[in-house]
Structures are given as C-alpha cells and as structure tokens.
Protein backbone atom coordinates (compact mmCIF):
# COMPACT_ATOMS: atom_id res chain seq x y z
CA UNK A 1 1.01 12.14 -32.17
CA UNK A 2 -2.19 10.59 -33.73
CA UNK A 3 -3.50 7.13 -33.10
CA UNK A 4 0.00 7.56 -29.65
CA UNK A 5 -2.56 6.70 -27.71
CA UNK A 6 -5.11 4.00 -28.56
CA UNK A 7 -9.08 4.46 -29.21
CA UNK A 8 -8.21 8.56 -28.57
CA UNK A 9 -11.33 9.10 -30.09
CA UNK A 10 -13.15 6.42 -28.51
CA UNK A 11 -12.43 7.61 -24.90
CA UNK A 12 -13.92 11.49 -25.41
CA UNK A 13 -16.81 9.97 -26.94
CA UNK A 14 -17.10 7.56 -23.73
CA UNK A 15 -16.99 9.96 -21.06
CA UNK A 16 -19.59 12.37 -23.21
CA UNK A 17 -21.66 9.71 -22.29
CA UNK A 18 -20.83 9.06 -19.16
CA UNK A 19 -21.37 12.95 -18.52
CA UNK A 20 -24.47 13.10 -20.83
CA UNK A 21 -23.07 15.51 -22.46
CA UNK A 22 -24.70 16.27 -26.54
CA UNK A 23 -22.20 17.12 -29.19
CA UNK A 24 -22.91 18.44 -31.86
CA UNK A 25 -22.42 17.46 -35.77
CA UNK A 26 -20.39 20.19 -35.87
CA UNK A 27 -18.53 19.56 -32.41
CA UNK A 28 -18.04 16.40 -33.34
CA UNK A 29 -16.08 17.00 -36.52
CA UNK A 30 -13.98 19.95 -34.90
CA UNK A 31 -13.27 16.56 -32.53
CA UNK A 32 -11.89 14.72 -35.67
CA UNK A 33 -9.94 17.68 -36.68
CA UNK A 34 -8.14 17.82 -33.39
CA UNK A 35 -7.38 14.07 -33.34
CA UNK A 36 -5.24 14.24 -36.68
CA UNK A 37 -3.11 17.47 -34.95
CA UNK A 38 0.19 16.24 -33.18
CA UNK A 39 1.48 20.17 -33.25
CA UNK A 40 0.48 22.52 -30.34
CA UNK A 41 -1.93 24.78 -32.32
CA UNK A 42 -4.86 27.54 -30.63
CA UNK A 43 -7.90 27.82 -31.58
CA UNK A 44 -7.40 30.57 -34.20
CA UNK A 45 -5.14 27.91 -35.89
CA UNK A 46 -7.92 25.11 -35.32
CA UNK A 47 -10.78 27.02 -36.47
CA UNK A 48 -8.81 27.97 -39.73
CA UNK A 49 -7.11 24.01 -39.80
CA UNK A 50 -11.25 22.87 -39.77
CA UNK A 51 -12.78 25.77 -42.53
CA UNK A 52 -10.33 23.87 -45.06
CA UNK A 53 -11.69 21.08 -43.85
CA UNK A 54 -15.21 21.73 -44.79
CA UNK A 55 -16.26 22.44 -41.11
CA UNK A 56 -18.40 25.61 -40.63
CA UNK A 57 -17.54 26.99 -37.54
CA UNK A 58 -15.14 30.14 -35.69
CA UNK A 59 -12.47 30.76 -33.08
CA UNK A 60 -14.82 30.83 -30.37
CA UNK A 61 -16.91 27.80 -30.59
CA UNK A 62 -13.50 26.08 -31.31
CA UNK A 63 -12.29 27.89 -27.95
CA UNK A 64 -15.49 26.42 -26.44
CA UNK A 65 -14.59 22.74 -27.77
CA UNK A 66 -11.04 23.42 -26.64
CA UNK A 67 -11.52 23.72 -22.84
CA UNK A 68 -13.75 20.89 -23.11
CA UNK A 69 -10.91 18.21 -24.16
CA UNK A 70 -8.97 19.59 -21.50
CA UNK A 71 -12.15 19.47 -18.42
CA UNK A 72 -12.56 15.74 -20.11
CA UNK A 73 -8.56 14.71 -19.79
CA UNK A 74 -7.25 14.58 -23.15
CA UNK A 75 -6.03 17.93 -23.96
CA UNK A 76 -3.37 20.74 -22.14
CA UNK A 77 -3.21 24.44 -22.31
CA UNK A 78 -0.20 25.92 -21.88
CA UNK A 79 0.15 29.70 -22.08
CA UNK A 80 3.31 30.39 -23.50
CA UNK A 81 4.85 34.12 -22.54
CA UNK A 82 7.17 35.22 -25.38
CA UNK A 83 8.67 38.61 -25.19
CA UNK A 84 5.32 39.91 -22.98
CA UNK A 85 2.71 38.70 -25.64
CA UNK A 86 1.11 35.45 -23.51
CA UNK A 87 0.19 32.73 -26.82
CA UNK A 88 -2.78 29.91 -25.54
CA UNK A 89 -2.11 26.89 -27.01
CA UNK A 90 -3.41 23.72 -27.02
CA UNK A 91 -1.89 19.49 -27.26
CA UNK A 92 -3.34 16.34 -27.41
CA UNK A 93 -2.50 14.80 -23.24
CA UNK A 94 -1.26 11.64 -23.78
CA UNK A 95 -1.32 9.29 -20.56
CA UNK A 96 1.43 7.41 -20.78
CA UNK A 97 4.03 10.50 -21.08
CA UNK A 98 5.37 13.67 -20.65
CA UNK A 99 7.49 16.15 -21.64
CA UNK A 100 8.59 19.76 -20.58
CA UNK A 101 9.10 22.18 -23.81
CA UNK A 102 11.40 24.75 -25.49
CA UNK A 103 10.11 27.79 -26.35
CA UNK A 104 11.07 30.30 -29.23
CA UNK A 105 10.54 34.17 -27.71
CA UNK A 106 12.05 34.97 -31.97
CA UNK A 107 9.27 33.18 -34.35
CA UNK A 108 6.81 31.43 -31.49
CA UNK A 109 7.65 27.87 -32.02
CA UNK A 110 7.48 25.88 -29.19
CA UNK A 111 9.82 22.68 -29.43
CA UNK A 112 8.82 18.93 -27.44
CA UNK A 113 11.56 17.46 -25.02
CA UNK A 114 11.54 14.30 -23.15
CA UNK A 115 14.41 13.62 -20.82
CA UNK A 116 15.02 11.38 -18.00
CA UNK A 117 17.88 13.77 -16.40
CA UNK A 118 15.53 16.38 -16.34
CA UNK A 119 13.14 14.81 -14.46
CA UNK A 120 15.08 12.33 -12.25
CA UNK A 121 16.26 15.81 -11.28
CA UNK A 122 13.31 17.36 -10.67
CA UNK A 123 12.66 14.86 -8.62
CA UNK A 124 14.88 14.37 -6.84
CA UNK A 125 14.84 18.04 -6.00
CA UNK A 126 11.49 17.35 -4.25
CA UNK A 127 12.29 14.37 -1.89
CA UNK A 128 15.28 16.50 -1.00
CA UNK A 129 12.87 19.21 -0.07
CA UNK A 130 10.23 16.78 1.94
CA UNK A 131 7.73 17.93 -0.78
CA UNK A 132 5.23 15.41 -2.62
CA UNK A 133 5.50 16.76 -6.18
CA UNK A 134 1.79 15.91 -7.92
CA UNK A 135 2.36 17.25 -11.41
CA UNK A 136 4.81 20.45 -13.17
CA UNK A 137 4.99 22.20 -16.30
CA UNK A 138 9.34 22.92 -17.59
CA UNK A 139 9.33 25.41 -19.97
CA UNK A 140 12.49 26.40 -21.07
CA UNK A 141 12.71 30.60 -22.61
CA UNK A 142 15.20 30.78 -25.93
CA UNK A 143 16.83 31.12 -29.37
CA UNK A 144 15.35 28.10 -31.92
CA UNK A 145 18.29 27.19 -34.14
CA UNK A 146 16.83 28.73 -36.64
CA UNK A 147 16.30 32.04 -35.77
CA UNK A 148 19.50 31.90 -34.41
CA UNK A 149 21.32 31.41 -37.84
CA UNK A 150 19.52 34.47 -38.92
CA UNK A 151 21.19 36.57 -36.43
CA UNK A 152 23.74 38.94 -37.25
CA UNK A 153 26.99 38.18 -35.80
CA UNK A 154 26.27 41.12 -33.77
CA UNK A 155 23.73 43.16 -33.29
CA UNK A 156 22.01 45.93 -30.90
CA UNK A 157 21.52 45.63 -27.65
CA UNK A 158 18.04 47.19 -28.23
CA UNK A 159 17.08 43.73 -30.35
CA UNK A 160 18.07 41.32 -27.53
CA UNK A 161 15.12 39.67 -25.94
CA UNK A 162 14.16 38.96 -22.47
CA UNK A 163 16.31 37.21 -20.87
CA UNK A 164 18.90 36.90 -23.34
CA UNK A 165 22.67 37.58 -22.04
CA UNK A 166 25.43 39.10 -24.51
CA UNK A 167 28.49 40.37 -24.65
CA UNK A 168 29.35 44.32 -25.32
CA UNK A 169 31.50 43.98 -28.30
CA UNK A 170 31.47 47.93 -29.31
CA UNK A 171 30.12 51.25 -28.65
CA UNK A 172 28.80 53.74 -30.95
CA UNK A 173 28.84 57.17 -30.23
CA UNK A 174 30.84 59.72 -28.54
CA UNK A 175 33.29 60.36 -26.21
CA UNK A 176 31.01 61.24 -23.91
CA UNK A 177 28.71 58.80 -24.43
CA UNK A 178 31.22 56.46 -23.72
CA UNK A 179 32.01 57.97 -20.74
CA UNK A 180 28.52 58.22 -20.07
CA UNK A 181 28.40 54.34 -20.04
CA UNK A 182 31.42 53.55 -18.38
CA UNK A 183 30.12 55.01 -15.47
CA UNK A 184 26.54 53.29 -15.12
CA UNK A 185 29.60 50.15 -15.67
CA UNK A 186 28.58 49.17 -19.44
CA UNK A 187 31.80 48.71 -21.07
CA UNK A 188 32.89 46.41 -23.87
CA UNK A 189 33.49 42.87 -23.56
CA UNK A 190 31.64 43.27 -20.42
CA UNK A 191 28.58 40.07 -20.14
CA UNK A 192 25.26 41.43 -19.80
CA UNK A 193 21.01 39.69 -19.01
CA UNK A 194 18.22 41.45 -20.31
CA UNK A 195 16.22 42.20 -17.86
CA UNK A 196 13.26 43.51 -19.91
CA UNK A 197 13.07 44.86 -22.70
CA UNK A 198 9.75 46.98 -23.57
CA UNK A 199 10.95 50.86 -23.15
CA UNK A 200 13.73 52.04 -20.98
CA UNK A 201 15.76 48.90 -21.58
CA UNK A 202 16.30 47.19 -18.43
CA UNK A 203 20.11 45.25 -18.19
CA UNK A 204 21.80 42.94 -15.46
CA UNK A 205 25.43 44.10 -15.53
CA UNK A 206 27.57 42.67 -13.03
CA UNK A 207 25.48 43.27 -9.58
CA UNK A 208 23.50 46.11 -10.73
CA UNK A 209 20.18 46.67 -12.51
CA UNK A 210 20.86 49.46 -15.49
CA UNK A 211 18.58 51.49 -16.66
CA UNK A 212 18.37 52.04 -21.13
CA UNK A 213 16.90 54.19 -22.86
CA UNK A 214 16.23 52.31 -26.42
CA UNK A 215 18.21 55.27 -28.48
CA UNK A 216 21.13 54.19 -25.90
CA UNK A 217 20.83 50.36 -26.18
CA UNK A 218 20.38 51.13 -30.13
CA UNK A 219 24.53 51.95 -30.08
CA UNK A 220 25.86 49.54 -28.18
CA UNK A 221 26.74 46.19 -30.27
CA UNK A 222 27.05 42.98 -28.57
CA UNK A 223 26.78 39.24 -29.72
CA UNK A 224 25.03 36.46 -27.95
CA UNK A 225 26.61 34.74 -25.10
CA UNK A 226 26.98 31.27 -26.33
CA UNK A 227 26.64 28.04 -23.48
C-alpha cells in the first residue's frame, strides 16, 4: 500500500540518477500516480487513472514506464491466465514483503494472500529435494466468494470453468442421450474435473478423459464441488 515502504518514490528517483535515466515531466506524473496505487493494475487502467488526474498520456507510454519500474525493482509484473485470456498486471514490489495470489476466473479479480504455512511448506519441499530456492510466484485460480454467491445451485456443465470440479446432478434429454452419456462414463452423482471449456469441452470422469460438444454439456446439470 502507499507509504508501506519508506521513501518509495525517492528510491526510484535515486536509481534514475545512478543509471543516468532522465524522466520527462509526464513520466514523473505517471510515477506519482503509480506511487499512489495499492492494487493490481494494468497499463490501460493506470493510463485512465492518469488522465483522470489531468496527466496527458496514453497506454503505450504508461506501459513503458511500468516496465521501467520493473527493471528498477520497484514493481512486479504478473500474467494471470483467466480461462485462456491472459491479463498482464503490475503491483508495487516491497522489499520487506512476499505474498501470493488468489485469482478469480470469473470476474478477473486478484487477491493478495499472506500465509506463513504456505511459505514454510514451499521451503520444506525445496530442502527435501536438495533445491536452492531463489524466488517463486504462487497463483491459485478459482472462484471468489462474491462470484460464487451469484451462481445458481446447479448450472449447465458448459458454464463451468477450466479447473473446476463439479458433481453431476441431472441429465436432461431422452433415454438415448442418457445411455450415450452412460457409455461415456458420465452418470448422476459423478464428480467431474473440467480440463478445457473452449469447445469441445474436455472433462475428467474418474480415470478417463471425455470430450463433449457444448450442446451435450449444456444438458448436463452440475453443482460446484465444495471443499
């Protein structure tokens, strides 16, 4: 958050002097706006925020500055894969903190998490394998509580997200269609894992991979599995 790291802006300006990097008046304004942010932000969002504050700039110029902040060790760039759509976002890099991320594949929201047990488990795994850890980024993809609360108790399988585990509740269609699914190993109360939802839909049913057309998947009603 702003002010979390002492003299954040001053440190950036010191690095520009040490590296003979000259920032224009507009670039200094972009630095000011980024310094005031605390959340994950992409170049387009920061450019819009700059313009709201009266800074005359565009997305490409802002991205160049964000990449400069990354090179200076003042920002971190993350790529989040939201159901096949890659989102490039930036955040402050604080020297005294490390955190991981929860990324919602529905709304695209990213939440920072601080968990000592998770950090210890990763360090223990490295030591057990004789591996020297330098750095890591952990991203857990899923569905945030807000998006989960907006979902119906049951939904067509075609609406499920990649990586989601669901339980088959009902199969719509005639006897021939139901027998076809039974032959494929898909029956009520079966747990499925969605491997791909970008047509055809690919699911794991027990120890088999099954490909389904979106029309077929829309007739299979499922409920999200709760841990």
